[in-house]
Amino acid sequence: MKYTNIVYPDKDFRVVVNAGRVSQIDRVDDFSKIFHEDIEIKYFIDGSSTLHIGGESVVTQSGDVVFINPYEFHSTVNYAEEKGRYHLLMIGLDFFDGMGEGFLDLRYLFTKERTRIQTLIRGNERIARIISDIVFEVIEEHRDYRRAVTALLLELFVLLFRDYRDSTLAELPTDKSLRYYEVIYPAIQLIRQDCGKEYTIDELAGACGVSKCHFCRIFKQSTFMSAVEYRNEYRLQIARVLIQSTNKSISEISVQCGFDDSAYFSRCYKKKFGHSPNKDRAILSK
């Protein structure tokens, strides 16, 4: 886990644009995660990438917009040959501060009201065009480009809050939960390095240098689930990524993800995602 402090060249214009960036791909066994206070938006212009955001895996395609809410843990992994290329926007929560009536208070909306925007936005040409226009304005720096970017960002956030507001409240971390996460992170690394291996709770607690009882308590407080629940959730998420982005058989994937019984794997998968692995592959491949 790593907290990233975003540096803005101009503290009075808190937006950073990177055009045509190529996904930084972690190894399949290295799901290092970062988080930050700032809003991160990725508009994929070609290729494909697999992003792990919060507790979900998202496989992108050209034209997709991915919204990463403040303080959401995220990383990039990939099983495809082609790396996704995207435009990146980083926006500070204080961007609209001091701009007068009619502007959004992003900090209040995201941290006080705990608003959360949906992660994947697909097929919205208007939002994609606005992001492209922002990238153009920042890169070209034409006359009054800052006013143009401010107007475009206001339009963008109005659309996001109106059409893509998630029904669930954002779970903002506390200082204590972040400290606990640092303690349990060695156990999380073990689970991610080989999700098919059966680690005992004693082994996981030992990797963190704490007692079994303390480990179980702070693991649940940090992740809102037990270590066993976390491992099973992670296995199913990775299985879904493999089903969507590889040609491996369902039985191969179930074994790779730690399910010796493919029938049991299918039952768990259907309970989690609402479809059997085979049906989900057919849906996801469309």
Protein backbone atom coordinates (compact mmCIF):
# COMPACT_ATOMS: atom_id res chain seq x y z
CA MET A 1 0.00 0.00 0.00
CA LYS A 2 1.31 3.43 -0.85
CA TYR A 3 -0.17 6.87 -0.33
CA THR A 4 0.65 9.12 -3.26
CA ASN A 5 0.83 12.87 -2.81
CA ILE A 6 -0.09 14.41 -6.16
CA VAL A 7 2.03 17.44 -7.03
CA TYR A 8 0.27 20.15 -9.02
CA PRO A 9 2.58 22.59 -10.87
CA ASP A 10 0.18 25.42 -10.02
CA LYS A 11 -1.55 25.22 -6.63
CA ASP A 12 -4.24 27.60 -7.93
CA PHE A 13 -5.08 25.31 -10.87
CA ARG A 14 -5.20 21.83 -9.43
CA VAL A 15 -5.46 19.65 -12.50
CA VAL A 16 -2.83 17.49 -14.18
CA VAL A 17 -3.20 15.94 -17.63
CA ASN A 18 -1.14 13.14 -19.18
CA ALA A 19 -2.09 12.33 -22.77
CA GLY A 20 -1.65 8.93 -24.39
CA ARG A 21 -0.23 7.26 -21.32
CA VAL A 22 0.47 3.51 -21.46
CA SER A 23 -0.72 1.35 -18.56
CA GLN A 24 1.99 0.49 -16.09
CA ILE A 25 1.49 -3.24 -15.74
CA ASP A 26 2.26 -5.06 -12.52
CA ARG A 27 3.14 -8.74 -12.56
CA VAL A 28 0.30 -11.19 -12.15
CA ASP A 29 1.59 -11.93 -8.64
CA ASP A 30 2.20 -8.31 -7.66
CA PHE A 31 -0.93 -6.31 -6.95
CA SER A 32 0.72 -3.34 -5.24
CA LYS A 33 -1.92 -0.72 -4.55
CA ILE A 34 -1.79 3.03 -4.26
CA PHE A 35 -4.34 5.53 -3.07
CA HIS A 36 -4.61 9.29 -2.88
CA GLU A 37 -7.06 12.01 -1.97
CA ASP A 38 -7.34 13.30 -5.51
CA ILE A 39 -9.83 12.31 -8.20
CA GLU A 40 -8.35 10.18 -10.99
CA ILE A 41 -10.04 9.73 -14.37
CA LYS A 42 -8.75 7.50 -17.16
CA TYR A 43 -10.16 7.67 -20.68
CA PHE A 44 -8.96 4.64 -22.67
CA ILE A 45 -8.26 5.48 -26.30
CA ASP A 46 -7.06 2.05 -27.42
CA GLY A 47 -5.91 -1.33 -26.13
CA SER A 48 -7.11 -3.07 -23.01
CA SER A 49 -6.10 -3.11 -19.36
CA THR A 50 -7.29 -4.79 -16.20
CA LEU A 51 -7.65 -2.44 -13.24
CA HIS A 52 -8.16 -3.55 -9.66
CA ILE A 53 -10.11 -0.78 -7.91
CA GLY A 54 -11.34 -1.20 -4.37
CA GLY A 55 -12.55 -4.79 -4.30
CA GLU A 56 -13.47 -5.04 -7.96
CA SER A 57 -11.61 -5.92 -11.17
CA VAL A 58 -12.43 -3.92 -14.29
CA VAL A 59 -11.37 -4.91 -17.81
CA THR A 60 -11.35 -1.87 -20.07
CA GLN A 61 -11.81 -1.44 -23.78
CA SER A 62 -11.34 1.47 -26.14
CA GLY A 63 -13.75 4.31 -25.33
CA ASP A 64 -14.16 3.41 -21.65
CA VAL A 65 -13.85 5.99 -18.90
CA VAL A 66 -12.70 4.79 -15.48
CA PHE A 67 -13.40 6.97 -12.43
CA ILE A 68 -11.28 6.40 -9.32
CA ASN A 69 -12.85 8.02 -6.29
CA PRO A 70 -10.78 9.73 -3.57
CA TYR A 71 -9.01 7.25 -1.26
CA GLU A 72 -9.89 4.20 -3.37
CA PHE A 73 -7.09 1.66 -3.48
CA HIS A 74 -6.20 0.86 -7.08
CA SER A 75 -3.62 -0.89 -9.22
CA THR A 76 -3.18 -2.04 -12.79
CA VAL A 77 -2.71 -5.67 -13.78
CA ASN A 78 -2.93 -7.32 -17.16
CA TYR A 79 -3.29 -10.70 -18.80
CA ALA A 80 -3.62 -9.43 -22.37
CA GLU A 81 -0.79 -8.92 -24.85
CA GLU A 82 -1.78 -5.34 -25.60
CA LYS A 83 -1.43 -2.65 -22.98
CA GLY A 84 -4.15 -0.06 -22.73
CA ARG A 85 -3.39 3.54 -23.67
CA TYR A 86 -5.35 6.30 -22.00
CA HIS A 87 -5.62 9.99 -21.22
CA LEU A 88 -5.19 10.65 -17.51
CA LEU A 89 -6.78 13.45 -15.50
CA MET A 90 -5.84 14.14 -11.87
CA ILE A 91 -8.12 16.68 -10.19
CA GLY A 92 -7.74 18.12 -6.71
CA LEU A 93 -10.76 18.21 -4.43
CA ASP A 94 -10.19 21.96 -4.03
CA PHE A 95 -10.26 22.69 -7.76
CA PHE A 96 -13.43 24.83 -7.71
CA ASP A 97 -12.66 26.59 -4.41
CA GLY A 98 -12.94 30.36 -4.53
CA MET A 99 -14.76 30.43 -7.86
CA GLY A 100 -17.99 31.81 -6.44
CA GLU A 101 -21.60 30.71 -6.50
CA GLY A 102 -22.65 27.94 -8.88
CA PHE A 103 -19.48 25.88 -8.62
CA LEU A 104 -19.24 22.45 -7.04
CA ASP A 105 -17.64 21.84 -3.67
CA LEU A 106 -15.90 18.57 -4.51
CA ARG A 107 -14.36 18.13 -1.06
CA TYR A 108 -17.74 18.43 0.64
CA LEU A 109 -19.43 16.08 -1.83
CA PHE A 110 -16.79 13.36 -1.62
CA THR A 111 -15.71 13.54 2.01
CA LYS A 112 -18.72 14.94 3.90
CA GLU A 113 -21.59 13.50 1.87
CA ARG A 114 -19.41 10.47 1.02
CA THR A 115 -20.56 10.56 -2.59
CA ARG A 116 -19.18 7.82 -4.80
CA ILE A 117 -19.13 7.80 -8.61
CA GLN A 118 -19.47 4.52 -10.49
CA THR A 119 -16.12 3.07 -11.57
CA LEU A 120 -16.78 2.13 -15.20
CA ILE A 121 -18.46 4.50 -17.64
CA ARG A 122 -18.99 2.88 -21.04
CA GLY A 123 -20.60 4.20 -24.19
CA ASN A 124 -20.99 7.84 -23.13
CA GLU A 125 -19.66 9.84 -26.06
CA ARG A 126 -20.40 13.18 -24.43
CA ILE A 127 -18.21 12.45 -21.41
CA ALA A 128 -15.47 11.06 -23.65
CA ARG A 129 -15.57 14.22 -25.78
CA ILE A 130 -15.37 16.50 -22.73
CA ILE A 131 -12.27 14.65 -21.48
CA SER A 132 -10.67 14.88 -24.93
CA ASP A 133 -11.40 18.62 -25.01
CA ILE A 134 -9.81 19.07 -21.56
CA VAL A 135 -6.69 17.22 -22.70
CA PHE A 136 -6.50 19.40 -25.83
CA GLU A 137 -6.90 22.66 -23.89
CA VAL A 138 -4.25 21.80 -21.29
CA ILE A 139 -1.71 20.58 -23.83
CA GLU A 140 -2.17 23.42 -26.33
CA GLU A 141 -2.51 26.18 -23.70
CA HIS A 142 -4.41 28.49 -25.99
CA ARG A 143 -5.59 31.87 -24.75
CA ASP A 144 -7.95 31.55 -21.76
CA TYR A 145 -7.46 27.77 -21.70
CA ARG A 146 -7.89 27.70 -17.91
CA ARG A 147 -11.38 29.15 -18.18
CA ALA A 148 -12.18 26.62 -20.86
CA VAL A 149 -10.92 23.75 -18.70
CA THR A 150 -12.86 25.01 -15.68
CA ALA A 151 -16.07 25.15 -17.73
CA LEU A 152 -15.45 21.69 -19.15
CA LEU A 153 -14.72 20.19 -15.71
CA LEU A 154 -17.88 21.75 -14.30
CA GLU A 155 -19.91 20.17 -17.12
CA LEU A 156 -18.12 16.85 -16.62
CA PHE A 157 -18.82 16.66 -12.88
CA VAL A 158 -22.44 17.72 -13.31
CA LEU A 159 -22.92 14.81 -15.72
CA LEU A 160 -21.12 12.40 -13.40
CA PHE A 161 -23.10 13.39 -10.31
CA ARG A 162 -26.36 13.36 -12.24
CA ASP A 163 -26.01 10.09 -14.16
CA TYR A 164 -23.31 8.00 -12.44
CA ARG A 165 -23.72 8.57 -8.72
CA ASP A 166 -23.41 5.23 -6.94
CA SER A 167 -26.16 4.23 -4.53
CA THR A 168 -23.60 3.17 -1.91
CA LEU A 169 -21.70 5.63 0.26
CA ALA A 170 -17.95 5.93 -0.08
CA GLU A 171 -15.99 4.23 2.69
CA LEU A 172 -13.37 6.78 3.69
CA PRO A 173 -10.38 5.46 5.62
CA THR A 174 -9.61 6.54 9.16
CA ASP A 175 -6.08 7.09 10.40
CA LYS A 176 -6.40 3.95 12.54
CA SER A 177 -7.60 1.76 9.65
CA LEU A 178 -4.71 2.96 7.50
CA ARG A 179 -2.22 2.12 10.25
CA TYR A 180 -3.79 -1.32 10.63
CA TYR A 181 -3.66 -1.84 6.88
CA GLU A 182 0.10 -1.31 6.98
CA VAL A 183 0.35 -4.01 9.67
CA ILE A 184 -1.69 -6.61 7.76
CA TYR A 185 -0.24 -5.80 4.34
CA PRO A 186 2.35 -8.65 4.46
CA ALA A 187 -0.56 -11.11 4.80
CA ILE A 188 -2.39 -9.48 1.89
CA GLN A 189 0.78 -9.79 -0.19
CA LEU A 190 0.98 -13.51 0.59
CA ILE A 191 -2.62 -14.03 -0.49
CA ARG A 192 -2.06 -12.10 -3.73
CA GLN A 193 1.28 -13.70 -4.57
CA ASP A 194 -0.34 -17.12 -4.84
CA CYS A 195 -4.09 -17.01 -4.41
CA GLY A 196 -4.23 -20.77 -4.94
CA LYS A 197 -2.16 -21.55 -1.86
CA GLU A 198 -3.85 -22.34 1.45
CA TYR A 199 -2.21 -20.21 4.13
CA THR A 200 -3.32 -20.79 7.71
CA ILE A 201 -4.32 -17.87 9.91
CA ASP A 202 -1.23 -18.59 12.05
CA GLU A 203 0.99 -18.24 8.96
CA LEU A 204 -0.66 -14.99 7.91
CA ALA A 205 -0.45 -13.54 11.41
CA GLY A 206 3.18 -14.65 11.67
CA ALA A 207 4.03 -12.82 8.44
CA CYS A 208 2.67 -9.65 10.06
CA GLY A 209 4.48 -10.19 13.34
CA VAL A 210 1.33 -10.10 15.47
CA SER A 211 -0.73 -12.61 17.43
CA LYS A 212 -3.48 -14.59 15.75
CA CYS A 213 -6.19 -12.88 17.81
CA HIS A 214 -4.88 -9.37 17.10
CA PHE A 215 -4.43 -10.19 13.42
CA CYS A 216 -8.03 -11.37 13.01
CA ARG A 217 -9.36 -8.27 14.75
CA ILE A 218 -7.40 -5.64 12.81
CA PHE A 219 -7.77 -7.48 9.49
CA LYS A 220 -11.55 -7.28 9.74
CA GLN A 221 -11.43 -3.67 10.92
CA SER A 222 -9.27 -2.69 7.93
CA THR A 223 -10.92 -4.71 5.17
CA PHE A 224 -14.44 -5.23 6.58
CA MET A 225 -14.06 -8.99 6.13
CA SER A 226 -12.13 -11.88 7.64
CA ALA A 227 -8.87 -13.08 6.10
CA VAL A 228 -10.64 -16.18 4.73
CA GLU A 229 -13.43 -14.06 3.24
CA TYR A 230 -10.84 -11.72 1.73
CA ARG A 231 -8.94 -14.63 0.18
CA ASN A 232 -12.10 -16.15 -1.33
CA GLU A 233 -13.26 -12.75 -2.61
CA TYR A 234 -9.85 -12.15 -4.18
CA ARG A 235 -9.82 -15.60 -5.78
CA LEU A 236 -13.20 -15.01 -7.41
CA GLN A 237 -12.18 -11.57 -8.68
CA ILE A 238 -9.01 -12.99 -10.26
CA ALA A 239 -10.99 -15.89 -11.69
CA ARG A 240 -13.34 -13.45 -13.38
CA VAL A 241 -10.41 -11.54 -14.90
CA LEU A 242 -8.97 -14.80 -16.25
CA ILE A 243 -12.36 -15.86 -17.62
CA GLN A 244 -12.75 -12.56 -19.42
CA SER A 245 -9.22 -12.07 -20.74
CA THR A 246 -7.78 -15.57 -21.38
CA ASN A 247 -8.77 -18.73 -23.24
CA LYS A 248 -8.05 -21.00 -20.29
CA SER A 249 -10.69 -23.59 -19.50
CA ILE A 250 -12.95 -23.08 -16.50
CA SER A 251 -11.39 -26.09 -14.76
CA GLU A 252 -7.88 -24.68 -15.29
CA ILE A 253 -8.93 -21.33 -13.86
CA SER A 254 -10.64 -22.90 -10.85
CA VAL A 255 -7.46 -24.83 -9.95
CA GLN A 256 -5.23 -21.79 -10.52
CA CYS A 257 -7.41 -19.76 -8.17
CA GLY A 258 -7.39 -22.36 -5.39
CA PHE A 259 -10.64 -24.25 -6.06
CA ASP A 260 -9.90 -27.98 -6.34
CA ASP A 261 -13.57 -28.77 -6.96
CA SER A 262 -14.76 -27.08 -10.18
CA ALA A 263 -18.42 -27.65 -9.23
CA TYR A 264 -17.90 -25.85 -5.93
CA PHE A 265 -16.06 -23.08 -7.79
CA SER A 266 -19.01 -22.67 -10.16
CA ARG A 267 -21.45 -22.42 -7.23
CA CYS A 268 -19.33 -19.78 -5.49
CA TYR A 269 -18.86 -17.88 -8.74
CA LYS A 270 -22.57 -17.84 -9.51
CA LYS A 271 -23.39 -16.69 -5.98
CA LYS A 272 -20.90 -13.83 -6.32
CA PHE A 273 -21.57 -12.65 -9.88
CA GLY A 274 -25.06 -13.98 -10.65
CA HIS A 275 -23.99 -16.21 -13.55
CA SER A 276 -22.09 -19.45 -13.99
CA PRO A 277 -18.46 -19.06 -15.20
CA ASN A 278 -19.36 -20.26 -18.72
CA LYS A 279 -22.33 -17.93 -19.01
CA ASP A 280 -20.32 -15.02 -17.61
CA ARG A 281 -17.59 -15.64 -20.19
CA ALA A 282 -20.18 -15.51 -22.96
CA ILE A 283 -21.62 -12.25 -21.56
CA LEU A 284 -18.27 -10.59 -20.94
CA SER A 285 -16.89 -11.50 -24.37
CA LYS A 286 -19.67 -9.66 -26.23
